[in-house]
C-alpha atoms as a PDB file:
ATOM      1  CA  UNK A   1      14.054  27.484   9.790  1.00  0.00           C
ATOM      2  CA  UNK A   2      12.926  23.867   9.409  1.00  0.00           C
ATOM      3  CA  UNK A   3      12.691  22.020   6.098  1.00  0.00           C
ATOM      4  CA  UNK A   4       8.902  21.906   6.433  1.00  0.00           C
ATOM      5  CA  UNK A   5       8.703  25.676   6.921  1.00  0.00           C
ATOM      6  CA  UNK A   6      10.962  26.251   3.930  1.00  0.00           C
ATOM      7  CA  UNK A   7       8.827  23.898   1.831  1.00  0.00           C
ATOM      8  CA  UNK A   8       5.684  25.773   2.844  1.00  0.00           C
ATOM      9  CA  UNK A   9       7.250  29.076   1.798  1.00  0.00           C
ATOM     10  CA  UNK A  10       8.422  27.667  -1.534  1.00  0.00           C
ATOM     11  CA  UNK A  11       5.033  26.160  -2.354  1.00  0.00           C
ATOM     12  CA  UNK A  12       3.349  29.431  -1.416  1.00  0.00           C
ATOM     13  CA  UNK A  13       5.603  31.197  -3.922  1.00  0.00           C
ATOM     14  CA  UNK A  14       5.584  28.581  -6.687  1.00  0.00           C
ATOM     15  CA  UNK A  15       2.049  28.791  -8.007  1.00  0.00           C
ATOM     16  CA  UNK A  16       1.682  32.601  -7.962  1.00  0.00           C
ATOM     17  CA  UNK A  17       5.054  32.919  -9.719  1.00  0.00           C
ATOM     18  CA  UNK A  18       4.031  30.380 -12.368  1.00  0.00           C
ATOM     19  CA  UNK A  19       0.660  31.997 -13.013  1.00  0.00           C
ATOM     20  CA  UNK A  20       2.246  35.453 -13.181  1.00  0.00           C
ATOM     21  CA  UNK A  21       4.555  34.134 -15.877  1.00  0.00           C
ATOM     22  CA  UNK A  22       1.556  33.304 -18.039  1.00  0.00           C
ATOM     23  CA  UNK A  23      -0.601  36.352 -17.317  1.00  0.00           C
ATOM     24  CA  UNK A  24       2.008  39.063 -16.776  1.00  0.00           C
ATOM     25  CA  UNK A  25       1.309  40.902 -20.093  1.00  0.00           C
ATOM     26  CA  UNK A  26      -2.277  41.525 -18.966  1.00  0.00           C
ATOM     27  CA  UNK A  27      -1.070  43.318 -15.841  1.00  0.00           C
ATOM     28  CA  UNK A  28       1.517  45.789 -17.142  1.00  0.00           C
ATOM     29  CA  UNK A  29       1.402  48.967 -19.165  1.00  0.00           C
ATOM     30  CA  UNK A  30       4.272  48.564 -21.633  1.00  0.00           C
ATOM     31  CA  UNK A  31       5.575  45.929 -24.015  1.00  0.00           C
ATOM     32  CA  UNK A  32       9.079  46.224 -22.586  1.00  0.00           C
ATOM     33  CA  UNK A  33       7.860  45.258 -19.113  1.00  0.00           C
ATOM     34  CA  UNK A  34       5.575  42.562 -20.566  1.00  0.00           C
ATOM     35  CA  UNK A  35       8.613  40.847 -22.077  1.00  0.00           C
ATOM     36  CA  UNK A  36       9.944  40.197 -18.571  1.00  0.00           C
ATOM     37  CA  UNK A  37       7.433  37.389 -18.005  1.00  0.00           C
ATOM     38  CA  UNK A  38      10.251  34.885 -18.500  1.00  0.00           C
ATOM     39  CA  UNK A  39      11.776  36.004 -15.198  1.00  0.00           C
ATOM     40  CA  UNK A  40       8.832  34.436 -13.388  1.00  0.00           C
ATOM     41  CA  UNK A  41       9.500  31.094 -15.068  1.00  0.00           C
ATOM     42  CA  UNK A  42      13.144  31.356 -14.042  1.00  0.00           C
ATOM     43  CA  UNK A  43      11.972  31.877 -10.455  1.00  0.00           C
ATOM     44  CA  UNK A  44       9.548  28.941 -10.747  1.00  0.00           C
ATOM     45  CA  UNK A  45      12.319  26.715 -12.113  1.00  0.00           C
ATOM     46  CA  UNK A  46      14.559  27.591  -9.161  1.00  0.00           C
ATOM     47  CA  UNK A  47      11.747  26.912  -6.672  1.00  0.00           C
ATOM     48  CA  UNK A  48      10.919  23.590  -8.333  1.00  0.00           C
ATOM     49  CA  UNK A  49      14.542  22.472  -8.149  1.00  0.00           C
ATOM     50  CA  UNK A  50      14.703  23.400  -4.459  1.00  0.00           C
ATOM     51  CA  UNK A  51      11.468  21.518  -3.780  1.00  0.00           C
ATOM     52  CA  UNK A  52      12.845  18.374  -5.397  1.00  0.00           C
ATOM     53  CA  UNK A  53      15.922  18.592  -3.155  1.00  0.00           C
ATOM     54  CA  UNK A  54      13.772  19.124  -0.054  1.00  0.00           C
ATOM     55  CA  UNK A  55      11.360  16.301  -0.912  1.00  0.00           C
ATOM     56  CA  UNK A  56      14.290  13.914  -1.326  1.00  0.00           C
ATOM     57  CA  UNK A  57      16.120  15.175   1.754  1.00  0.00           C
ATOM     58  CA  UNK A  58      13.059  14.799   3.993  1.00  0.00           C
ATOM     59  CA  UNK A  59      12.107  11.399   2.521  1.00  0.00           C
ATOM     60  CA  UNK A  60       8.742  12.762   1.320  1.00  0.00           C
ATOM     61  CA  UNK A  61       9.846  11.445  -2.058  1.00  0.00           C
ATOM     62  CA  UNK A  62      11.902   8.277  -1.586  1.00  0.00           C
ATOM     63  CA  UNK A  63      14.535   6.875  -3.906  1.00  0.00           C
ATOM     64  CA  UNK A  64      12.005   4.575  -5.598  1.00  0.00           C
ATOM     65  CA  UNK A  65       9.722   7.499  -6.369  1.00  0.00           C
ATOM     66  CA  UNK A  66      12.687   9.394  -7.790  1.00  0.00           C
ATOM     67  CA  UNK A  67      13.592   6.419  -9.990  1.00  0.00           C
ATOM     68  CA  UNK A  68       9.977   6.039 -11.133  1.00  0.00           C
ATOM     69  CA  UNK A  69       9.853   9.761 -11.861  1.00  0.00           C
ATOM     70  CA  UNK A  70      12.915   9.399 -14.068  1.00  0.00           C
ATOM     71  CA  UNK A  71      11.518   6.400 -15.932  1.00  0.00           C
ATOM     72  CA  UNK A  72       8.158   8.025 -16.614  1.00  0.00           C
ATOM     73  CA  UNK A  73       9.801  11.324 -17.600  1.00  0.00           C
ATOM     74  CA  UNK A  74      11.875   9.477 -20.192  1.00  0.00           C
ATOM     75  CA  UNK A  75       8.792   7.628 -21.459  1.00  0.00           C
ATOM     76  CA  UNK A  76       6.739  10.784 -21.858  1.00  0.00           C
ATOM     77  CA  UNK A  77       9.663  12.629 -23.442  1.00  0.00           C
ATOM     78  CA  UNK A  78       9.907   9.781 -25.972  1.00  0.00           C
ATOM     79  CA  UNK A  79       6.163   9.916 -26.683  1.00  0.00           C
ATOM     80  CA  UNK A  80       6.087  13.621 -27.411  1.00  0.00           C
ATOM     81  CA  UNK A  81       8.085  13.558 -30.684  1.00  0.00           C
ATOM     82  CA  UNK A  82       5.609  11.014 -32.098  1.00  0.00           C
ATOM     83  CA  UNK A  83       3.247  13.894 -32.749  1.00  0.00           C
ATOM     84  CA  UNK A  84       5.768  16.086 -34.555  1.00  0.00           C
ATOM     85  CA  UNK A  85       4.426  17.030 -37.968  1.00  0.00           C
ATOM     86  CA  UNK A  86       0.849  16.060 -37.104  1.00  0.00           C
ATOM     87  CA  UNK A  87      -1.409  18.856 -35.924  1.00  0.00           C
ATOM     88  CA  UNK A  88      -2.341  18.288 -32.286  1.00  0.00           C
ATOM     89  CA  UNK A  89      -1.436  14.571 -32.229  1.00  0.00           C
ATOM     90  CA  UNK A  90       0.242  14.491 -28.819  1.00  0.00           C
ATOM     91  CA  UNK A  91      -0.013  11.136 -26.997  1.00  0.00           C
ATOM     92  CA  UNK A  92       2.140  12.360 -24.100  1.00  0.00           C
ATOM     93  CA  UNK A  93      -0.853  13.855 -22.265  1.00  0.00           C
ATOM     94  CA  UNK A  94      -2.439  10.422 -21.896  1.00  0.00           C
ATOM     95  CA  UNK A  95       0.626   9.123 -20.031  1.00  0.00           C
ATOM     96  CA  UNK A  96       1.089  12.261 -17.932  1.00  0.00           C
ATOM     97  CA  UNK A  97      -2.511  12.399 -16.748  1.00  0.00           C
ATOM     98  CA  UNK A  98      -2.697   8.706 -15.802  1.00  0.00           C
ATOM     99  CA  UNK A  99       0.682   8.753 -14.021  1.00  0.00           C
ATOM    100  CA  UNK A 100      -0.338  11.843 -12.052  1.00  0.00           C
ATOM    101  CA  UNK A 101      -3.610  10.144 -11.139  1.00  0.00           C
ATOM    102  CA  UNK A 102      -1.796   7.153  -9.635  1.00  0.00           C
ATOM    103  CA  UNK A 103       1.199   8.874  -8.065  1.00  0.00           C
ATOM    104  CA  UNK A 104      -0.323  12.104  -6.757  1.00  0.00           C
ATOM    105  CA  UNK A 105      -0.340  15.827  -7.639  1.00  0.00           C
ATOM    106  CA  UNK A 106       3.203  16.678  -6.580  1.00  0.00           C
ATOM    107  CA  UNK A 107       4.531  13.770  -8.627  1.00  0.00           C
ATOM    108  CA  UNK A 108       2.331  14.932 -11.514  1.00  0.00           C
ATOM    109  CA  UNK A 109       3.664  18.485 -11.281  1.00  0.00           C
ATOM    110  CA  UNK A 110       7.273  17.321 -11.296  1.00  0.00           C
ATOM    111  CA  UNK A 111       6.611  14.735 -14.015  1.00  0.00           C
ATOM    112  CA  UNK A 112       5.047  17.319 -16.316  1.00  0.00           C
ATOM    113  CA  UNK A 113       7.922  19.753 -15.836  1.00  0.00           C
ATOM    114  CA  UNK A 114      10.759  17.224 -16.125  1.00  0.00           C
ATOM    115  CA  UNK A 115       9.315  15.322 -19.083  1.00  0.00           C
ATOM    116  CA  UNK A 116       8.763  18.511 -21.082  1.00  0.00           C
ATOM    117  CA  UNK A 117      12.273  19.722 -20.264  1.00  0.00           C
ATOM    118  CA  UNK A 118      13.785  16.363 -21.256  1.00  0.00           C
ATOM    119  CA  UNK A 119      11.774  16.316 -24.467  1.00  0.00           C
ATOM    120  CA  UNK A 120      13.084  19.764 -25.380  1.00  0.00           C
ATOM    121  CA  UNK A 121      16.662  18.608 -24.795  1.00  0.00           C
ATOM    122  CA  UNK A 122      16.117  15.509 -26.945  1.00  0.00           C
ATOM    123  CA  UNK A 123      14.500  17.328 -29.856  1.00  0.00           C
ATOM    124  CA  UNK A 124      16.379  20.617 -29.735  1.00  0.00           C
ATOM    125  CA  UNK A 125      13.186  22.452 -28.856  1.00  0.00           C
ATOM    126  CA  UNK A 126      14.845  24.997 -26.578  1.00  0.00           C
ATOM    127  CA  UNK A 127      13.702  28.584 -26.928  1.00  0.00           C
ATOM    128  CA  UNK A 128      11.690  31.354 -25.270  1.00  0.00           C
ATOM    129  CA  UNK A 129       8.629  29.102 -25.362  1.00  0.00           C
ATOM    130  CA  UNK A 130      10.204  26.393 -23.189  1.00  0.00           C
ATOM    131  CA  UNK A 131       9.272  27.913 -19.836  1.00  0.00           C
ATOM    132  CA  UNK A 132       5.648  28.107 -20.962  1.00  0.00           C
ATOM    133  CA  UNK A 133       5.690  24.481 -22.115  1.00  0.00           C
ATOM    134  CA  UNK A 134       7.368  23.188 -18.962  1.00  0.00           C
ATOM    135  CA  UNK A 135       5.019  24.847 -16.507  1.00  0.00           C
ATOM    136  CA  UNK A 136       1.889  24.339 -18.600  1.00  0.00           C
ATOM    137  CA  UNK A 137       2.629  20.599 -18.500  1.00  0.00           C
ATOM    138  CA  UNK A 138       3.430  20.833 -14.777  1.00  0.00           C
ATOM    139  CA  UNK A 139       0.100  22.507 -14.022  1.00  0.00           C
ATOM    140  CA  UNK A 140      -1.759  19.875 -16.044  1.00  0.00           C
ATOM    141  CA  UNK A 141      -0.022  17.109 -14.090  1.00  0.00           C
ATOM    142  CA  UNK A 142      -0.862  18.776 -10.800  1.00  0.00           C
ATOM    143  CA  UNK A 143      -4.435  19.565 -11.833  1.00  0.00           C
ATOM    144  CA  UNK A 144      -5.409  15.874 -11.946  1.00  0.00           C
ATOM    145  CA  UNK A 145      -5.908  16.308  -8.199  1.00  0.00           C
ATOM    146  CA  UNK A 146      -9.344  17.817  -8.904  1.00  0.00           C
ATOM    147  CA  UNK A 147     -10.632  14.266  -9.471  1.00  0.00           C
ATOM    148  CA  UNK A 148     -11.609  12.725  -6.095  1.00  0.00           C
ATOM    149  CA  UNK A 149      -9.219   9.959  -5.070  1.00  0.00           C
ATOM    150  CA  UNK A 150     -11.995   7.526  -4.083  1.00  0.00           C
ATOM    151  CA  UNK A 151     -13.541   7.426  -7.577  1.00  0.00           C
ATOM    152  CA  UNK A 152     -12.849   4.183  -9.455  1.00  0.00           C
ATOM    153  CA  UNK A 153     -14.107   2.180 -12.423  1.00  0.00           C
ATOM    154  CA  UNK A 154     -15.974   3.685 -15.361  1.00  0.00           C
ATOM    155  CA  UNK A 155     -16.583   6.968 -13.541  1.00  0.00           C
ATOM    156  CA  UNK A 156     -12.839   7.381 -12.990  1.00  0.00           C
ATOM    157  CA  UNK A 157     -12.140   6.838 -16.685  1.00  0.00           C
ATOM    158  CA  UNK A 158     -14.933   9.233 -17.643  1.00  0.00           C
ATOM    159  CA  UNK A 159     -13.576  11.965 -15.356  1.00  0.00           C
ATOM    160  CA  UNK A 160     -10.017  11.398 -16.561  1.00  0.00           C
ATOM    161  CA  UNK A 161     -11.143  11.612 -20.195  1.00  0.00           C
ATOM    162  CA  UNK A 162     -13.096  14.784 -19.426  1.00  0.00           C
ATOM    163  CA  UNK A 163     -10.083  16.235 -17.659  1.00  0.00           C
ATOM    164  CA  UNK A 164      -7.909  15.249 -20.623  1.00  0.00           C
ATOM    165  CA  UNK A 165     -10.158  17.183 -23.015  1.00  0.00           C
ATOM    166  CA  UNK A 166     -10.155  20.250 -20.762  1.00  0.00           C
ATOM    167  CA  UNK A 167      -6.397  19.994 -20.186  1.00  0.00           C
ATOM    168  CA  UNK A 168      -5.786  19.885 -23.942  1.00  0.00           C
ATOM    169  CA  UNK A 169      -7.613  23.181 -24.316  1.00  0.00           C
ATOM    170  CA  UNK A 170      -5.847  24.686 -21.293  1.00  0.00           C
ATOM    171  CA  UNK A 171      -2.459  23.770 -22.756  1.00  0.00           C
ATOM    172  CA  UNK A 172      -3.381  25.490 -26.009  1.00  0.00           C
ATOM    173  CA  UNK A 173      -4.487  28.614 -24.155  1.00  0.00           C
ATOM    174  CA  UNK A 174      -1.360  28.760 -22.001  1.00  0.00           C
ATOM    175  CA  UNK A 175       0.901  28.326 -25.018  1.00  0.00           C
ATOM    176  CA  UNK A 176      -0.886  31.065 -26.939  1.00  0.00           C
ATOM    177  CA  UNK A 177      -0.202  33.397 -24.023  1.00  0.00           C
ATOM    178  CA  UNK A 178       3.469  33.131 -24.999  1.00  0.00           C
ATOM    179  CA  UNK A 179       2.832  33.783 -28.691  1.00  0.00           C
ATOM    180  CA  UNK A 180      -0.097  36.178 -28.937  1.00  0.00           C
ATOM    181  CA  UNK A 181       1.333  39.390 -27.416  1.00  0.00           C
ATOM    182  CA  UNK A 182       4.138  39.508 -30.002  1.00  0.00           C
ATOM    183  CA  UNK A 183       2.767  37.756 -33.089  1.00  0.00           C
ATOM    184  CA  UNK A 184       0.298  40.272 -34.534  1.00  0.00           C
ATOM    185  CA  UNK A 185       2.074  43.581 -34.059  1.00  0.00           C
ATOM    186  CA  UNK A 186      -0.132  46.404 -32.817  1.00  0.00           C
ATOM    187  CA  UNK A 187      -2.298  47.211 -35.822  1.00  0.00           C
ATOM    188  CA  UNK A 188      -5.033  44.568 -35.809  1.00  0.00           C
ATOM    189  CA  UNK A 189      -8.290  44.126 -33.929  1.00  0.00           C
ATOM    190  CA  UNK A 190      -6.840  41.072 -32.177  1.00  0.00           C
ATOM    191  CA  UNK A 191      -3.485  42.596 -31.210  1.00  0.00           C
ATOM    192  CA  UNK A 192      -2.234  42.849 -27.645  1.00  0.00           C
ATOM    193  CA  UNK A 193      -2.499  46.411 -26.346  1.00  0.00           C
ATOM    194  CA  UNK A 194      -0.094  47.093 -23.501  1.00  0.00           C
ATOM    195  CA  UNK A 195      -1.825  49.038 -20.756  1.00  0.00           C
ATOM    196  CA  UNK A 196      -5.328  48.444 -22.107  1.00  0.00           C
ATOM    197  CA  UNK A 197      -8.070  47.344 -19.672  1.00  0.00           C
ATOM    198  CA  UNK A 198      -7.884  43.697 -18.685  1.00  0.00           C
ATOM    199  CA  UNK A 199     -11.305  42.969 -20.179  1.00  0.00           C
ATOM    200  CA  UNK A 200     -10.284  44.344 -23.578  1.00  0.00           C
ATOM    201  CA  UNK A 201      -7.081  42.322 -23.820  1.00  0.00           C
ATOM    202  CA  UNK A 202      -8.870  39.192 -22.597  1.00  0.00           C
ATOM    203  CA  UNK A 203     -11.507  39.648 -25.289  1.00  0.00           C
ATOM    204  CA  UNK A 204      -8.842  40.083 -27.955  1.00  0.00           C
ATOM    205  CA  UNK A 205      -6.896  37.064 -26.715  1.00  0.00           C
ATOM    206  CA  UNK A 206      -9.926  34.770 -26.570  1.00  0.00           C
ATOM    207  CA  UNK A 207     -10.903  35.753 -30.118  1.00  0.00           C
ATOM    208  CA  UNK A 208      -7.355  35.197 -31.331  1.00  0.00           C
ATOM    209  CA  UNK A 209      -7.080  31.822 -29.616  1.00  0.00           C
ATOM    210  CA  UNK A 210     -10.295  30.354 -30.956  1.00  0.00           C
ATOM    211  CA  UNK A 211      -9.614  31.628 -34.465  1.00  0.00           C
ATOM    212  CA  UNK A 212      -6.056  30.318 -34.636  1.00  0.00           C
ATOM    213  CA  UNK A 213      -5.689  27.351 -32.290  1.00  0.00           C
ATOM    214  CA  UNK A 214      -8.695  25.051 -32.597  1.00  0.00           C
ATOM    215  CA  UNK A 215      -6.960  23.105 -35.353  1.00  0.00           C
ATOM    216  CA  UNK A 216      -4.449  22.072 -32.677  1.00  0.00           C
ATOM    217  CA  UNK A 217      -6.642  21.940 -29.579  1.00  0.00           C
ATOM    218  CA  UNK A 218      -9.396  19.714 -30.984  1.00  0.00           C
ATOM    219  CA  UNK A 219      -7.068  16.938 -32.273  1.00  0.00           C
ATOM    220  CA  UNK A 220      -5.066  17.130 -29.020  1.00  0.00           C
ATOM    221  CA  UNK A 221      -8.228  16.708 -26.961  1.00  0.00           C
ATOM    222  CA  UNK A 222      -9.580  13.991 -29.244  1.00  0.00           C
ATOM    223  CA  UNK A 223      -6.467  11.800 -29.171  1.00  0.00           C
ATOM    224  CA  UNK A 224      -6.169  12.215 -25.391  1.00  0.00           C
ATOM    225  CA  UNK A 225      -9.789  11.206 -24.815  1.00  0.00           C
ATOM    226  CA  UNK A 226      -9.506   8.232 -27.184  1.00  0.00           C
ATOM    227  CA  UNK A 227      -6.334   6.930 -25.556  1.00  0.00           C
ATOM    228  CA  UNK A 228      -7.731   7.288 -22.032  1.00  0.00           C
ATOM    229  CA  UNK A 229     -10.982   5.614 -23.036  1.00  0.00           C
ATOM    230  CA  UNK A 230      -9.318   2.690 -24.810  1.00  0.00           C
ATOM    231  CA  UNK A 231      -6.146   2.145 -22.796  1.00  0.00           C
ATOM    232  CA  UNK A 232      -6.874   3.957 -19.553  1.00  0.00           C
ATOM    233  CA  UNK A 233      -7.998   0.958 -17.511  1.00  0.00           C
ATOM    234  CA  UNK A 234      -5.037  -1.360 -18.264  1.00  0.00           C
ATOM    235  CA  UNK A 235      -2.597   1.553 -17.953  1.00  0.00           C
ATOM    236  CA  UNK A 236      -3.975   2.552 -14.540  1.00  0.00           C
ATOM    237  CA  UNK A 237      -3.878  -1.060 -13.365  1.00  0.00           C
ATOM    238  CA  UNK A 238      -0.273  -1.437 -14.531  1.00  0.00           C
ATOM    239  CA  UNK A 239       0.811   1.768 -12.815  1.00  0.00           C
ATOM    240  CA  UNK A 240      -0.942   0.800  -9.585  1.00  0.00           C
ATOM    241  CA  UNK A 241       0.582  -2.675  -9.626  1.00  0.00           C
ATOM    242  CA  UNK A 242       4.028  -1.217 -10.218  1.00  0.00           C
ATOM    243  CA  UNK A 243       3.584   1.202  -7.361  1.00  0.00           C
ATOM    244  CA  UNK A 244       2.315  -1.524  -5.025  1.00  0.00           C
ATOM    245  CA  UNK A 245       4.952  -4.138  -5.882  1.00  0.00           C
ATOM    246  CA  UNK A 246       7.766  -1.629  -5.556  1.00  0.00           C
ATOM    247  CA  UNK A 247       6.396  -0.623  -2.126  1.00  0.00           C
ATOM    248  CA  UNK A 248       6.530   3.072  -2.898  1.00  0.00           C
ATOM    249  CA  UNK A 249       6.086   5.586  -0.148  1.00  0.00           C
ATOM    250  CA  UNK A 250       2.711   7.275  -0.029  1.00  0.00           C
ATOM    251  CA  UNK A 251       2.055   9.539  -2.969  1.00  0.00           C
ATOM    252  CA  UNK A 252       3.982  12.756  -2.557  1.00  0.00           C
ATOM    253  CA  UNK A 253       1.618  15.681  -2.207  1.00  0.00           C
ATOM    254  CA  UNK A 254       1.978  19.379  -1.480  1.00  0.00           C
ATOM    255  CA  UNK A 255       0.116  19.168   1.820  1.00  0.00           C
ATOM    256  CA  UNK A 256       0.748  22.862   2.341  1.00  0.00           C
ATOM    257  CA  UNK A 257      -1.575  23.642  -0.571  1.00  0.00           C
ATOM    258  CA  UNK A 258      -4.532  23.279   1.748  1.00  0.00           C
ATOM    259  CA  UNK A 259      -3.162  26.222   3.694  1.00  0.00           C
ATOM    260  CA  UNK A 260      -2.638  28.472   0.676  1.00  0.00           C
ATOM    261  CA  UNK A 261      -5.958  27.623  -0.990  1.00  0.00           C
ATOM    262  CA  UNK A 262      -4.502  25.885  -4.022  1.00  0.00           C
ATOM    263  CA  UNK A 263      -5.710  22.388  -3.146  1.00  0.00           C
ATOM    264  CA  UNK A 264      -8.945  21.591  -4.973  1.00  0.00           C
ATOM    265  CA  UNK A 265      -9.184  17.995  -3.883  1.00  0.00           C
END
């Protein structure tokens, strides 16, 4: 088996495993089985680690990209604690989205995962929620690929700001998927009902999310949009200059995604 074939298999497994981790409670009939969602994040973590090794071994991600990944991960990890104690004030998403825009979706996926993991280690934020945080951030970094690469100027900033607002809401939704099934017990109109029809649990979850989380999601989206609007242009220029002057390899991308229908570019 060649490295490329192995990479294709791993990428094919990575995204379904990650999404199953978030949505597993909707698909099973008992709370005991629903609690096993964390196993999918363990699988995704293993696959991600193997992909990093393969990308380095095959020179799809050169040493300079690895160094830049480390630097940006440390920067974003340092930005995240700035919002501690302030509802939804999270400047890290601004840096993650712009770095993923410049360096490519694979870089964005890895940057989101590594920076969130590093932040948890720095702040002691390790717990059952960590897998959700790590892969929610990874998906947001990867999702920047929906913005066409040829777009530049004011339209690029507009689309990045729009994506930032949507990503802020997506992060809130994905994090509530970790909390909601266990937080309300089973005796309320918004409680998770193991084995109930998908439509019923989705309706309960959506109601719960918008009742409980908007106080976090709206400030998160607002600060992300403001930062991208104000500082997006100089930040993008600085990142692009750094990439050009360091003579990075071409942006690492999961080219296999086009084969498994995950590439929306």
